[in-house]
Amino acid sequence: MSLQWEPQWVDEVVEYAGMRLRVKRDKVTGLYACPVCGLGDNATYLLTAKDLFYHIYAHAKKAERYRARVQYEEESREEE
């Protein structure tokens, strides 16, 4: 009897709310692996496609914090 989980990953295209994403899914448990987190020690596994897309959205929101904001100043031109 084994006490460890041995995943059997298959590539799958998941669609939720009109968005498509190619991910790995375990045949036995049905868990989705986050493609951003990857597999292994730092992996995140999710139960539903909805959870997966909210997790991907959280990655996007976190990345938004590190984007540089550029502000443009309008040049003042005096009309003669």
Protein backbone atom coordinates (compact mmCIF):
# COMPACT_ATOMS: atom_id res chain seq x y z
CA MET A 1 0.00 0.00 0.00
CA SER A 2 1.38 3.38 -1.03
CA LEU A 3 0.93 6.55 0.98
CA GLN A 4 2.20 8.84 -1.74
CA TRP A 5 0.27 10.36 -4.58
CA GLU A 6 1.60 9.45 -8.00
CA PRO A 7 -0.10 11.77 -10.50
CA GLN A 8 -0.80 10.76 -14.08
CA TRP A 9 -0.78 14.11 -15.89
CA VAL A 10 -2.53 14.63 -19.21
CA ASP A 11 -2.68 17.85 -21.23
CA GLU A 12 -6.15 19.32 -21.40
CA VAL A 13 -7.74 22.50 -22.73
CA VAL A 14 -10.04 24.04 -20.14
CA GLU A 15 -12.69 26.60 -21.04
CA TYR A 16 -14.38 28.89 -18.55
CA ALA A 17 -16.36 32.08 -19.23
CA GLY A 18 -15.19 32.20 -22.84
CA MET A 19 -11.48 31.81 -21.98
CA ARG A 20 -9.35 28.83 -22.92
CA LEU A 21 -6.27 27.62 -21.14
CA ARG A 22 -4.05 24.58 -21.72
CA VAL A 23 -3.24 22.89 -18.40
CA LYS A 24 -2.17 19.58 -16.93
CA ARG A 25 -4.87 17.50 -15.23
CA ASP A 26 -4.44 14.37 -13.15
CA LYS A 27 -6.35 11.38 -14.51
CA VAL A 28 -7.08 9.85 -11.11
CA THR A 29 -7.95 12.82 -8.88
CA GLY A 30 -9.10 15.30 -11.55
CA LEU A 31 -6.92 18.05 -10.06
CA TYR A 32 -5.72 20.89 -12.30
CA ALA A 33 -2.12 22.10 -12.02
CA CYS A 34 -1.53 25.83 -12.35
CA PRO A 35 0.61 26.42 -15.47
CA VAL A 36 2.19 29.51 -13.87
CA CYS A 37 3.18 27.83 -10.59
CA GLY A 38 4.35 24.70 -12.41
CA LEU A 39 4.67 21.17 -11.06
CA GLY A 40 6.70 20.07 -8.08
CA ASP A 41 7.35 21.67 -4.71
CA ASN A 42 5.82 25.08 -5.45
CA ALA A 43 2.85 23.71 -7.38
CA THR A 44 -0.74 24.72 -6.82
CA TYR A 45 -3.45 22.16 -7.53
CA LEU A 46 -7.08 23.17 -7.95
CA LEU A 47 -10.33 21.23 -8.03
CA THR A 48 -12.44 23.13 -10.58
CA ALA A 49 -11.87 25.14 -13.74
CA LYS A 50 -13.45 28.15 -12.02
CA ASP A 51 -10.91 27.93 -9.19
CA LEU A 52 -8.11 27.64 -11.73
CA PHE A 53 -9.16 30.78 -13.60
CA TYR A 54 -9.51 32.79 -10.39
CA HIS A 55 -6.03 31.61 -9.40
CA ILE A 56 -4.64 32.73 -12.79
CA TYR A 57 -6.41 36.08 -12.29
CA ALA A 58 -4.64 36.42 -8.92
CA HIS A 59 -1.31 35.92 -10.69
CA ALA A 60 -2.24 38.71 -13.11
CA LYS A 61 -3.26 41.08 -10.30
CA LYS A 62 0.01 40.39 -8.48
CA ALA A 63 2.01 41.14 -11.63
CA GLU A 64 0.09 44.40 -12.07
CA ARG A 65 1.58 45.66 -8.81
CA TYR A 66 5.07 45.45 -10.29
CA ARG A 67 4.30 47.23 -13.56
CA ALA A 68 5.86 50.63 -14.03
CA ARG A 69 3.37 53.45 -14.34
CA VAL A 70 4.18 56.06 -16.96
CA GLN A 71 2.67 59.48 -16.71
CA TYR A 72 2.68 61.82 -19.65
CA GLU A 73 2.72 65.54 -19.23
CA GLU A 74 1.11 67.52 -21.98
CA GLU A 75 3.39 70.10 -23.43
CA SER A 76 1.93 73.53 -23.06
CA ARG A 77 1.98 75.28 -26.38
CA GLU A 78 1.16 78.90 -26.48
CA GLU A 79 -0.83 79.90 -29.48
CA GLU A 80 0.15 83.22 -30.94
